[in-house]
Amino acid sequence: MAKYLVLIYDDEQQLAGADPSIIEANHERHVAFNRDNGAAVVGGAQLKGSETATSIRTRPDGTVTVTDGVFAETKEVLGGYYVIDAPDYDAALALAKQVPAVFGGVEVRPIIDPGA
């Protein structure tokens, strides 16, 4: 089995203006995703809003810059993630297609096995 990171991106403005019933329904879909795929879900969490982010950039000369805010300014920001175990990339994609992301989308990335 290999591990994959499923990044969940959301449009925070849509999320902030959404009807509470939509937020609750999305939460219930995450509960169902975890219930239905519990054996494959290794970890995951919802993140606090992008206004709580701090970005750190280190240049080749060693200069470090710390700024308030997300790493890149985009409409959709990282809102949460899952770490999943899957036999291959196709299986990881099949799992990721089930991840609720009504205000954005998801990205799937293989995790490098440090022991390999």
N, C-alpha and C. Protein backbone atom coordinates (compact mmCIF):
# COMPACT_ATOMS: atom_id res chain seq x y z
N MET A 1 0.85 -1.19 0.00
CA MET A 1 0.00 0.00 0.00
C MET A 1 0.89 1.25 0.00
N ALA A 2 0.41 2.26 -0.66
CA ALA A 2 1.11 3.55 -0.70
C ALA A 2 0.22 4.60 -0.03
N LYS A 3 0.85 5.65 0.44
CA LYS A 3 0.10 6.74 1.06
C LYS A 3 -0.03 7.90 0.08
N TYR A 4 -1.19 8.56 0.14
CA TYR A 4 -1.48 9.70 -0.72
C TYR A 4 -2.07 10.81 0.15
N LEU A 5 -1.74 12.04 -0.22
CA LEU A 5 -2.31 13.20 0.45
C LEU A 5 -3.41 13.76 -0.44
N VAL A 6 -4.59 13.92 0.11
CA VAL A 6 -5.71 14.51 -0.60
C VAL A 6 -5.93 15.89 0.01
N LEU A 7 -5.61 16.92 -0.76
CA LEU A 7 -5.75 18.30 -0.30
C LEU A 7 -7.12 18.82 -0.71
N ILE A 8 -7.82 19.43 0.22
CA ILE A 8 -9.16 19.94 -0.04
C ILE A 8 -9.09 21.46 -0.12
N TYR A 9 -9.46 21.99 -1.27
CA TYR A 9 -9.44 23.44 -1.48
C TYR A 9 -10.86 23.98 -1.49
N ASP A 10 -11.06 25.11 -0.83
CA ASP A 10 -12.37 25.74 -0.73
C ASP A 10 -12.28 27.22 -1.08
N ASP A 11 -13.37 27.75 -1.59
CA ASP A 11 -13.53 29.18 -1.78
C ASP A 11 -14.12 29.70 -0.48
N GLU A 12 -13.30 30.38 0.31
CA GLU A 12 -13.74 30.81 1.64
C GLU A 12 -14.89 31.81 1.60
N GLN A 13 -14.98 32.62 0.56
CA GLN A 13 -16.09 33.57 0.47
C GLN A 13 -17.41 32.83 0.28
N GLN A 14 -17.41 31.81 -0.57
CA GLN A 14 -18.63 31.01 -0.75
C GLN A 14 -18.97 30.29 0.55
N LEU A 15 -17.97 29.76 1.20
CA LEU A 15 -18.17 29.05 2.46
C LEU A 15 -18.77 29.98 3.52
N ALA A 16 -18.23 31.19 3.61
CA ALA A 16 -18.71 32.15 4.61
C ALA A 16 -20.15 32.58 4.35
N GLY A 17 -20.54 32.63 3.08
CA GLY A 17 -21.89 33.07 2.75
C GLY A 17 -22.90 31.95 2.56
N ALA A 18 -22.46 30.71 2.80
CA ALA A 18 -23.34 29.56 2.55
C ALA A 18 -24.41 29.41 3.62
N ASP A 19 -25.53 28.91 3.21
CA ASP A 19 -26.61 28.59 4.14
C ASP A 19 -26.10 27.52 5.12
N PRO A 20 -26.40 27.65 6.40
CA PRO A 20 -25.95 26.67 7.39
C PRO A 20 -26.34 25.22 7.04
N SER A 21 -27.44 25.04 6.33
CA SER A 21 -27.84 23.68 5.97
C SER A 21 -26.86 23.06 4.97
N ILE A 22 -26.26 23.89 4.11
CA ILE A 22 -25.26 23.40 3.16
C ILE A 22 -23.99 23.01 3.90
N ILE A 23 -23.61 23.82 4.88
CA ILE A 23 -22.42 23.51 5.69
C ILE A 23 -22.63 22.20 6.44
N GLU A 24 -23.78 22.03 7.04
CA GLU A 24 -24.09 20.80 7.79
C GLU A 24 -24.12 19.59 6.87
N ALA A 25 -24.71 19.73 5.69
CA ALA A 25 -24.76 18.62 4.73
C ALA A 25 -23.35 18.24 4.28
N ASN A 26 -22.49 19.22 4.08
CA ASN A 26 -21.11 18.94 3.69
C ASN A 26 -20.39 18.21 4.82
N HIS A 27 -20.61 18.65 6.06
CA HIS A 27 -20.03 17.97 7.22
C HIS A 27 -20.48 16.51 7.28
N GLU A 28 -21.75 16.28 7.05
CA GLU A 28 -22.29 14.91 7.08
C GLU A 28 -21.68 14.06 5.97
N ARG A 29 -21.37 14.68 4.83
CA ARG A 29 -20.71 13.93 3.75
C ARG A 29 -19.29 13.53 4.16
N HIS A 30 -18.62 14.38 4.91
CA HIS A 30 -17.28 14.02 5.42
C HIS A 30 -17.40 12.88 6.44
N VAL A 31 -18.40 12.94 7.29
CA VAL A 31 -18.62 11.85 8.26
C VAL A 31 -18.84 10.54 7.50
N ALA A 32 -19.67 10.59 6.45
CA ALA A 32 -19.95 9.40 5.65
C ALA A 32 -18.69 8.92 4.92
N PHE A 33 -17.90 9.85 4.39
CA PHE A 33 -16.65 9.47 3.72
C PHE A 33 -15.75 8.70 4.69
N ASN A 34 -15.60 9.23 5.89
CA ASN A 34 -14.76 8.55 6.90
C ASN A 34 -15.34 7.20 7.28
N ARG A 35 -16.65 7.12 7.44
CA ARG A 35 -17.29 5.85 7.79
C ARG A 35 -17.10 4.82 6.68
N ASP A 36 -17.33 5.24 5.44
CA ASP A 36 -17.27 4.31 4.32
C ASP A 36 -15.85 3.92 3.91
N ASN A 37 -14.88 4.75 4.25
CA ASN A 37 -13.50 4.52 3.81
C ASN A 37 -12.52 4.47 4.97
N GLY A 38 -13.03 4.18 6.15
CA GLY A 38 -12.21 4.22 7.37
C GLY A 38 -10.93 3.42 7.30
N ALA A 39 -10.95 2.28 6.62
CA ALA A 39 -9.74 1.45 6.54
C ALA A 39 -8.64 2.14 5.74
N ALA A 40 -9.02 3.00 4.80
CA ALA A 40 -8.04 3.67 3.95
C ALA A 40 -7.61 5.03 4.50
N VAL A 41 -8.42 5.62 5.39
CA VAL A 41 -8.12 6.95 5.90
C VAL A 41 -7.15 6.83 7.08
N VAL A 42 -5.93 7.33 6.86
CA VAL A 42 -4.88 7.26 7.86
C VAL A 42 -4.94 8.47 8.79
N GLY A 43 -5.37 9.61 8.26
CA GLY A 43 -5.45 10.83 9.05
C GLY A 43 -6.13 11.92 8.24
N GLY A 44 -6.30 13.04 8.87
CA GLY A 44 -6.90 14.17 8.18
C GLY A 44 -7.44 15.17 9.18
N ALA A 45 -7.69 16.38 8.68
CA ALA A 45 -8.24 17.41 9.54
C ALA A 45 -8.73 18.58 8.71
N GLN A 46 -9.64 19.34 9.29
CA GLN A 46 -10.05 20.61 8.72
C GLN A 46 -9.09 21.65 9.26
N LEU A 47 -8.72 22.60 8.42
CA LEU A 47 -7.80 23.66 8.83
C LEU A 47 -8.57 24.93 9.18
N LYS A 48 -8.00 25.73 10.04
CA LYS A 48 -8.58 27.04 10.34
C LYS A 48 -8.46 27.90 9.08
N GLY A 49 -9.16 29.02 9.06
CA GLY A 49 -9.22 29.89 7.88
C GLY A 49 -7.86 30.41 7.44
N SER A 50 -7.79 30.82 6.18
CA SER A 50 -6.52 31.28 5.61
C SER A 50 -5.99 32.53 6.31
N GLU A 51 -6.87 33.27 6.98
CA GLU A 51 -6.41 34.46 7.70
C GLU A 51 -5.49 34.10 8.87
N THR A 52 -5.46 32.83 9.25
CA THR A 52 -4.59 32.39 10.35
C THR A 52 -3.24 31.89 9.85
N ALA A 53 -3.04 31.86 8.52
CA ALA A 53 -1.81 31.31 7.94
C ALA A 53 -0.63 32.26 8.08
N THR A 54 0.54 31.69 8.19
CA THR A 54 1.81 32.41 8.14
C THR A 54 2.69 31.68 7.14
N SER A 55 3.30 32.40 6.23
CA SER A 55 4.16 31.80 5.21
C SER A 55 5.62 32.12 5.50
N ILE A 56 6.47 31.14 5.32
CA ILE A 56 7.91 31.29 5.54
C ILE A 56 8.61 30.92 4.24
N ARG A 57 9.44 31.83 3.76
CA ARG A 57 10.20 31.58 2.53
C ARG A 57 11.69 31.73 2.85
N THR A 58 12.45 30.73 2.42
CA THR A 58 13.90 30.76 2.59
C THR A 58 14.54 30.83 1.21
N ARG A 59 15.38 31.82 1.01
CA ARG A 59 16.05 32.01 -0.28
C ARG A 59 17.36 31.21 -0.30
N PRO A 60 17.89 30.98 -1.49
CA PRO A 60 19.14 30.22 -1.58
C PRO A 60 20.28 30.82 -0.76
N ASP A 61 20.27 32.15 -0.53
CA ASP A 61 21.33 32.76 0.27
C ASP A 61 21.10 32.62 1.77
N GLY A 62 19.98 31.95 2.15
CA GLY A 62 19.69 31.73 3.56
C GLY A 62 18.77 32.77 4.17
N THR A 63 18.43 33.82 3.42
CA THR A 63 17.53 34.85 3.92
C THR A 63 16.14 34.24 4.14
N VAL A 64 15.59 34.48 5.32
CA VAL A 64 14.27 33.96 5.67
C VAL A 64 13.30 35.12 5.79
N THR A 65 12.15 35.00 5.12
CA THR A 65 11.10 36.01 5.19
C THR A 65 9.85 35.36 5.75
N VAL A 66 9.27 35.97 6.77
CA VAL A 66 8.03 35.49 7.38
C VAL A 66 6.96 36.54 7.13
N THR A 67 5.83 36.09 6.53
CA THR A 67 4.74 37.02 6.24
C THR A 67 3.41 36.41 6.68
N ASP A 68 2.49 37.29 7.05
CA ASP A 68 1.14 36.84 7.37
C ASP A 68 0.45 36.46 6.07
N GLY A 69 -0.33 35.38 6.11
CA GLY A 69 -1.11 34.99 4.95
C GLY A 69 -0.65 33.69 4.34
N VAL A 70 -1.44 33.24 3.36
CA VAL A 70 -1.17 31.98 2.69
C VAL A 70 0.04 32.12 1.77
N PHE A 71 0.58 30.98 1.35
CA PHE A 71 1.78 30.95 0.52
C PHE A 71 1.55 31.61 -0.83
N ALA A 72 0.39 31.37 -1.42
CA ALA A 72 0.05 31.97 -2.71
C ALA A 72 -1.36 32.53 -2.64
N GLU A 73 -1.56 33.71 -3.22
CA GLU A 73 -2.89 34.32 -3.26
C GLU A 73 -3.71 33.65 -4.35
N THR A 74 -4.77 32.98 -3.97
CA THR A 74 -5.67 32.33 -4.93
C THR A 74 -7.09 32.46 -4.42
N LYS A 75 -8.03 32.18 -5.29
CA LYS A 75 -9.43 32.23 -4.89
C LYS A 75 -9.75 31.08 -3.92
N GLU A 76 -9.23 29.90 -4.23
CA GLU A 76 -9.46 28.73 -3.38
C GLU A 76 -8.21 28.47 -2.55
N VAL A 77 -8.42 28.22 -1.26
CA VAL A 77 -7.30 27.98 -0.35
C VAL A 77 -7.43 26.61 0.29
N LEU A 78 -6.32 26.12 0.77
CA LEU A 78 -6.30 24.82 1.44
C LEU A 78 -7.16 24.89 2.69
N GLY A 79 -8.18 24.03 2.75
CA GLY A 79 -9.10 24.05 3.87
C GLY A 79 -9.05 22.80 4.72
N GLY A 80 -8.41 21.75 4.22
CA GLY A 80 -8.30 20.51 4.97
C GLY A 80 -7.59 19.47 4.15
N TYR A 81 -7.44 18.29 4.73
CA TYR A 81 -6.72 17.23 4.04
C TYR A 81 -7.07 15.87 4.62
N TYR A 82 -6.81 14.85 3.84
CA TYR A 82 -6.84 13.46 4.28
C TYR A 82 -5.53 12.82 3.88
N VAL A 83 -5.02 11.93 4.68
CA VAL A 83 -3.95 11.04 4.29
C VAL A 83 -4.61 9.67 4.12
N ILE A 84 -4.46 9.10 2.93
CA ILE A 84 -5.12 7.83 2.66
C ILE A 84 -4.09 6.77 2.25
N ASP A 85 -4.43 5.52 2.51
CA ASP A 85 -3.66 4.36 2.08
C ASP A 85 -4.40 3.74 0.91
N ALA A 86 -3.72 3.51 -0.19
CA ALA A 86 -4.35 2.91 -1.36
C ALA A 86 -3.33 2.02 -2.06
N PRO A 87 -3.80 0.96 -2.72
CA PRO A 87 -2.88 0.06 -3.39
C PRO A 87 -2.16 0.69 -4.58
N ASP A 88 -2.77 1.69 -5.22
CA ASP A 88 -2.15 2.36 -6.37
C ASP A 88 -2.82 3.72 -6.59
N TYR A 89 -2.29 4.46 -7.55
CA TYR A 89 -2.78 5.81 -7.82
C TYR A 89 -4.23 5.83 -8.26
N ASP A 90 -4.62 4.85 -9.09
CA ASP A 90 -6.01 4.80 -9.54
C ASP A 90 -6.98 4.61 -8.37
N ALA A 91 -6.59 3.75 -7.42
CA ALA A 91 -7.42 3.54 -6.23
C ALA A 91 -7.46 4.81 -5.39
N ALA A 92 -6.34 5.52 -5.30
CA ALA A 92 -6.32 6.79 -4.56
C ALA A 92 -7.25 7.81 -5.20
N LEU A 93 -7.25 7.86 -6.53
CA LEU A 93 -8.15 8.79 -7.23
C LEU A 93 -9.61 8.42 -7.00
N ALA A 94 -9.89 7.12 -7.00
CA ALA A 94 -11.27 6.68 -6.75
C ALA A 94 -11.74 7.11 -5.36
N LEU A 95 -10.86 7.01 -4.37
CA LEU A 95 -11.20 7.47 -3.02
C LEU A 95 -11.37 9.00 -3.00
N ALA A 96 -10.44 9.70 -3.63
CA ALA A 96 -10.46 11.17 -3.61
C ALA A 96 -11.71 11.73 -4.28
N LYS A 97 -12.24 11.02 -5.26
CA LYS A 97 -13.47 11.48 -5.93
C LYS A 97 -14.66 11.49 -4.98
N GLN A 98 -14.54 10.78 -3.87
CA GLN A 98 -15.63 10.71 -2.89
C GLN A 98 -15.52 11.81 -1.83
N VAL A 99 -14.39 12.54 -1.80
CA VAL A 99 -14.18 13.57 -0.77
C VAL A 99 -15.05 14.78 -1.08
N PRO A 100 -15.90 15.18 -0.13
CA PRO A 100 -16.76 16.35 -0.35
C PRO A 100 -15.94 17.63 -0.49
N ALA A 101 -16.21 18.40 -1.51
CA ALA A 101 -15.55 19.69 -1.72
C ALA A 101 -16.51 20.59 -2.50
N VAL A 102 -17.64 20.91 -1.88
CA VAL A 102 -18.70 21.63 -2.59
C VAL A 102 -18.32 23.07 -2.92
N PHE A 103 -17.30 23.63 -2.27
CA PHE A 103 -16.89 25.00 -2.54
C PHE A 103 -15.56 25.09 -3.26
N GLY A 104 -15.10 23.97 -3.81
CA GLY A 104 -13.80 23.97 -4.50
C GLY A 104 -13.51 22.63 -5.13
N GLY A 105 -12.39 22.04 -4.79
CA GLY A 105 -11.99 20.77 -5.35
C GLY A 105 -10.91 20.12 -4.50
N VAL A 106 -10.42 18.99 -4.97
CA VAL A 106 -9.36 18.28 -4.25
C VAL A 106 -8.17 18.05 -5.17
N GLU A 107 -7.03 17.85 -4.56
CA GLU A 107 -5.79 17.52 -5.26
C GLU A 107 -5.22 16.28 -4.60
N VAL A 108 -4.72 15.35 -5.40
CA VAL A 108 -4.14 14.11 -4.88
C VAL A 108 -2.65 14.11 -5.19
N ARG A 109 -1.85 13.81 -4.15
CA ARG A 109 -0.39 13.77 -4.33
C ARG A 109 0.15 12.53 -3.63
N PRO A 110 0.99 11.75 -4.31
CA PRO A 110 1.65 10.62 -3.65
C PRO A 110 2.60 11.14 -2.56
N ILE A 111 2.68 10.42 -1.47
CA ILE A 111 3.62 10.75 -0.40
C ILE A 111 4.85 9.87 -0.60
N ILE A 112 6.02 10.47 -0.55
CA ILE A 112 7.26 9.74 -0.71
C ILE A 112 7.52 8.92 0.54
N ASP A 113 7.78 7.64 0.37
CA ASP A 113 8.11 6.75 1.48
C ASP A 113 9.57 6.96 1.83
N PRO A 114 9.86 7.53 3.02
CA PRO A 114 11.25 7.82 3.36
C PRO A 114 12.11 6.56 3.50
N GLY A 115 11.47 5.40 3.67
CA GLY A 115 12.22 4.15 3.82
C GLY A 115 12.51 3.47 2.50
N ALA A 116 12.00 4.02 1.40
CA ALA A 116 12.19 3.36 0.09
C ALA A 116 13.46 3.80 -0.58
